[in-house]
Amino acid sequence: MIHNWTSWKTFPDPRTEAALEAPAGPGVYEVRHSVSGRVVAFGSTSNVASALSGLAIARRVPRGFAGLFQSQVLLPRPLDFEYRICAANSRAEAKSAARRLLGLKQASWHERFTAAVLGQRAR
């Protein structure tokens, strides 16, 4: 059984030892830019915590002496992104829920686009 979405949570600051608040079990995740609302990651997985920590925006920044000699890749700040999860009982259930949720999102986007196009034609 799929549970409800959690509230939106910001990624922890990579300079601290704070951890993600996500289950080490199956589920669906969604990551968005906190200001624009643009979805940057969406998917189902057997381990939500591992999937979220593997995203480029959740990478830890090397500290101290090691950080001086590693090439600096310009990544967005993790604090600019937020995530939410929907826990599931199994990987198959998570995949099914992700497909259903993605279909609902696409239908919603299509309705908005159609309404915007029809609104412009009415002018």
C-alpha atoms as a PDB file:
ATOM      1  CA  MET A   1       0.000   0.000   0.000  1.00  0.00           C
ATOM      2  CA  ILE A   2       1.324   3.410  -0.989  1.00  0.00           C
ATOM      3  CA  HIS A   3       1.368   6.030   1.719  1.00  0.00           C
ATOM      4  CA  ASN A   4       0.881   9.758   1.214  1.00  0.00           C
ATOM      5  CA  TRP A   5       3.604  12.180   0.147  1.00  0.00           C
ATOM      6  CA  THR A   6       5.650  13.667   2.946  1.00  0.00           C
ATOM      7  CA  SER A   7       5.933  17.421   3.240  1.00  0.00           C
ATOM      8  CA  TRP A   8       8.710  19.112   1.248  1.00  0.00           C
ATOM      9  CA  LYS A   9      12.089  19.017   3.007  1.00  0.00           C
ATOM     10  CA  THR A  10      15.284  20.833   2.071  1.00  0.00           C
ATOM     11  CA  PHE A  11      18.469  18.884   1.491  1.00  0.00           C
ATOM     12  CA  PRO A  12      20.870  19.074   4.414  1.00  0.00           C
ATOM     13  CA  ASP A  13      23.834  21.430   4.172  1.00  0.00           C
ATOM     14  CA  PRO A  14      26.812  19.358   2.946  1.00  0.00           C
ATOM     15  CA  ARG A  15      29.107  21.213   5.370  1.00  0.00           C
ATOM     16  CA  THR A  16      27.279  19.688   8.320  1.00  0.00           C
ATOM     17  CA  GLU A  17      26.808  16.098   9.366  1.00  0.00           C
ATOM     18  CA  ALA A  18      23.018  16.291   8.989  1.00  0.00           C
ATOM     19  CA  ALA A  19      21.377  13.327   7.275  1.00  0.00           C
ATOM     20  CA  LEU A  20      18.527  13.036   4.818  1.00  0.00           C
ATOM     21  CA  GLU A  21      15.166  12.189   6.312  1.00  0.00           C
ATOM     22  CA  ALA A  22      14.247   9.289   4.049  1.00  0.00           C
ATOM     23  CA  PRO A  23      13.506   5.593   4.530  1.00  0.00           C
ATOM     24  CA  ALA A  24      16.037   2.933   3.606  1.00  0.00           C
ATOM     25  CA  GLY A  25      13.217   1.090   1.882  1.00  0.00           C
ATOM     26  CA  PRO A  26      11.156   1.204  -1.327  1.00  0.00           C
ATOM     27  CA  GLY A  27       9.295   4.284  -2.445  1.00  0.00           C
ATOM     28  CA  VAL A  28       8.898   7.165  -4.867  1.00  0.00           C
ATOM     29  CA  TYR A  29      10.854  10.409  -4.627  1.00  0.00           C
ATOM     30  CA  GLU A  30      10.541  13.832  -6.206  1.00  0.00           C
ATOM     31  CA  VAL A  31      13.141  16.608  -6.111  1.00  0.00           C
ATOM     32  CA  ARG A  32      12.400  20.185  -7.160  1.00  0.00           C
ATOM     33  CA  HIS A  33      14.103  23.565  -7.205  1.00  0.00           C
ATOM     34  CA  SER A  34      12.690  25.394  -4.202  1.00  0.00           C
ATOM     35  CA  VAL A  35      12.307  28.794  -5.914  1.00  0.00           C
ATOM     36  CA  SER A  36      11.121  27.892  -9.413  1.00  0.00           C
ATOM     37  CA  GLY A  37       9.312  24.663  -8.505  1.00  0.00           C
ATOM     38  CA  ARG A  38      10.924  22.913 -11.492  1.00  0.00           C
ATOM     39  CA  VAL A  39      11.129  19.140 -10.964  1.00  0.00           C
ATOM     40  CA  VAL A  40      14.732  17.963 -11.379  1.00  0.00           C
ATOM     41  CA  ALA A  41      14.410  14.323 -10.320  1.00  0.00           C
ATOM     42  CA  PHE A  42      11.568  11.850 -10.011  1.00  0.00           C
ATOM     43  CA  GLY A  43      11.618   8.099  -9.718  1.00  0.00           C
ATOM     44  CA  SER A  44      10.983   4.904  -7.837  1.00  0.00           C
ATOM     45  CA  THR A  45      13.603   2.873  -6.052  1.00  0.00           C
ATOM     46  CA  SER A  46      14.114   0.045  -3.612  1.00  0.00           C
ATOM     47  CA  ASN A  47      16.084   2.357  -1.283  1.00  0.00           C
ATOM     48  CA  VAL A  48      14.899   5.975  -1.206  1.00  0.00           C
ATOM     49  CA  ALA A  49      17.656   7.205   1.124  1.00  0.00           C
ATOM     50  CA  SER A  50      20.372   5.765  -1.104  1.00  0.00           C
ATOM     51  CA  ALA A  51      18.809   7.185  -4.279  1.00  0.00           C
ATOM     52  CA  LEU A  52      18.521  10.684  -2.815  1.00  0.00           C
ATOM     53  CA  SER A  53      22.063  10.691  -1.453  1.00  0.00           C
ATOM     54  CA  GLY A  54      23.365   9.533  -4.835  1.00  0.00           C
ATOM     55  CA  LEU A  55      21.988  12.580  -6.639  1.00  0.00           C
ATOM     56  CA  ALA A  56      24.552  15.188  -7.715  1.00  0.00           C
ATOM     57  CA  ILE A  57      22.865  17.832  -5.576  1.00  0.00           C
ATOM     58  CA  ALA A  58      23.290  15.740  -2.450  1.00  0.00           C
ATOM     59  CA  ARG A  59      27.038  15.137  -2.820  1.00  0.00           C
ATOM     60  CA  ARG A  60      29.254  16.016   0.065  1.00  0.00           C
ATOM     61  CA  VAL A  61      31.830  18.726  -0.459  1.00  0.00           C
ATOM     62  CA  PRO A  62      35.402  17.682   0.388  1.00  0.00           C
ATOM     63  CA  ARG A  63      36.612  19.564   3.435  1.00  0.00           C
ATOM     64  CA  GLY A  64      39.955  20.749   4.627  1.00  0.00           C
ATOM     65  CA  PHE A  65      43.206  19.926   2.890  1.00  0.00           C
ATOM     66  CA  ALA A  66      41.639  17.413   0.451  1.00  0.00           C
ATOM     67  CA  GLY A  67      39.226  20.047  -0.861  1.00  0.00           C
ATOM     68  CA  LEU A  68      42.108  22.272  -1.970  1.00  0.00           C
ATOM     69  CA  PHE A  69      43.485  19.813  -4.521  1.00  0.00           C
ATOM     70  CA  GLN A  70      40.337  18.287  -6.001  1.00  0.00           C
ATOM     71  CA  SER A  71      38.859  19.848  -9.113  1.00  0.00           C
ATOM     72  CA  GLN A  72      35.959  22.063  -8.212  1.00  0.00           C
ATOM     73  CA  VAL A  73      32.795  21.184 -10.088  1.00  0.00           C
ATOM     74  CA  LEU A  74      30.137  23.863 -10.042  1.00  0.00           C
ATOM     75  CA  LEU A  75      27.101  22.136  -8.627  1.00  0.00           C
ATOM     76  CA  PRO A  76      23.910  23.799  -7.509  1.00  0.00           C
ATOM     77  CA  ARG A  77      23.686  24.382  -3.804  1.00  0.00           C
ATOM     78  CA  PRO A  78      21.816  21.548  -2.055  1.00  0.00           C
ATOM     79  CA  LEU A  79      19.905  24.106   0.001  1.00  0.00           C
ATOM     80  CA  ASP A  80      18.289  25.338  -3.245  1.00  0.00           C
ATOM     81  CA  PHE A  81      16.471  22.024  -3.630  1.00  0.00           C
ATOM     82  CA  GLU A  82      13.802  20.208  -1.695  1.00  0.00           C
ATOM     83  CA  TYR A  83      12.494  16.678  -1.812  1.00  0.00           C
ATOM     84  CA  ARG A  84       9.505  14.639  -0.786  1.00  0.00           C
ATOM     85  CA  ILE A  85       8.936  10.930  -0.672  1.00  0.00           C
ATOM     86  CA  CYS A  86       6.106   8.474  -0.822  1.00  0.00           C
ATOM     87  CA  ALA A  87       6.918   5.200   0.920  1.00  0.00           C
ATOM     88  CA  ALA A  88       5.822   1.841  -0.490  1.00  0.00           C
ATOM     89  CA  ASN A  89       5.787  -1.741   0.735  1.00  0.00           C
ATOM     90  CA  SER A  90       7.698  -3.169  -2.239  1.00  0.00           C
ATOM     91  CA  ARG A  91       9.769  -2.133  -5.244  1.00  0.00           C
ATOM     92  CA  ALA A  92       6.989  -3.277  -7.609  1.00  0.00           C
ATOM     93  CA  GLU A  93       4.454  -1.166  -5.747  1.00  0.00           C
ATOM     94  CA  ALA A  94       6.778   1.849  -5.918  1.00  0.00           C
ATOM     95  CA  LYS A  95       7.265   1.404  -9.691  1.00  0.00           C
ATOM     96  CA  SER A  96       3.527   1.148 -10.233  1.00  0.00           C
ATOM     97  CA  ALA A  97       2.874   4.251  -8.139  1.00  0.00           C
ATOM     98  CA  ALA A  98       5.600   6.199  -9.973  1.00  0.00           C
ATOM     99  CA  ARG A  99       4.028   5.366 -13.344  1.00  0.00           C
ATOM    100  CA  ARG A 100       0.595   6.411 -12.073  1.00  0.00           C
ATOM    101  CA  LEU A 101       1.899   9.645 -10.527  1.00  0.00           C
ATOM    102  CA  LEU A 102       3.866  10.500 -13.667  1.00  0.00           C
ATOM    103  CA  GLY A 103       0.738   9.942 -15.762  1.00  0.00           C
ATOM    104  CA  LEU A 104      -1.238  12.277 -13.494  1.00  0.00           C
ATOM    105  CA  LYS A 105       1.498  14.930 -13.726  1.00  0.00           C
ATOM    106  CA  GLN A 106       1.615  14.699 -17.519  1.00  0.00           C
ATOM    107  CA  ALA A 107      -2.164  14.994 -17.747  1.00  0.00           C
ATOM    108  CA  SER A 108      -2.060  18.067 -15.509  1.00  0.00           C
ATOM    109  CA  TRP A 109       0.721  19.672 -17.585  1.00  0.00           C
ATOM    110  CA  HIS A 110      -1.228  18.956 -20.774  1.00  0.00           C
ATOM    111  CA  GLU A 111      -4.351  20.605 -19.324  1.00  0.00           C
ATOM    112  CA  ARG A 112      -2.370  23.702 -18.278  1.00  0.00           C
ATOM    113  CA  PHE A 113      -0.706  23.958 -21.686  1.00  0.00           C
ATOM    114  CA  THR A 114      -4.011  23.565 -23.513  1.00  0.00           C
ATOM    115  CA  ALA A 115      -5.676  26.172 -21.292  1.00  0.00           C
ATOM    116  CA  ALA A 116      -2.791  28.607 -21.891  1.00  0.00           C
ATOM    117  CA  VAL A 117      -2.910  28.111 -25.664  1.00  0.00           C
ATOM    118  CA  LEU A 118      -6.698  28.507 -25.782  1.00  0.00           C
ATOM    119  CA  GLY A 119      -6.436  31.578 -23.539  1.00  0.00           C
ATOM    120  CA  GLN A 120      -3.987  33.211 -25.961  1.00  0.00           C
ATOM    121  CA  ARG A 121      -6.193  32.457 -28.972  1.00  0.00           C
ATOM    122  CA  ALA A 122      -9.193  34.055 -27.283  1.00  0.00           C
ATOM    123  CA  ARG A 123      -7.395  37.422 -27.128  1.00  0.00           C
END
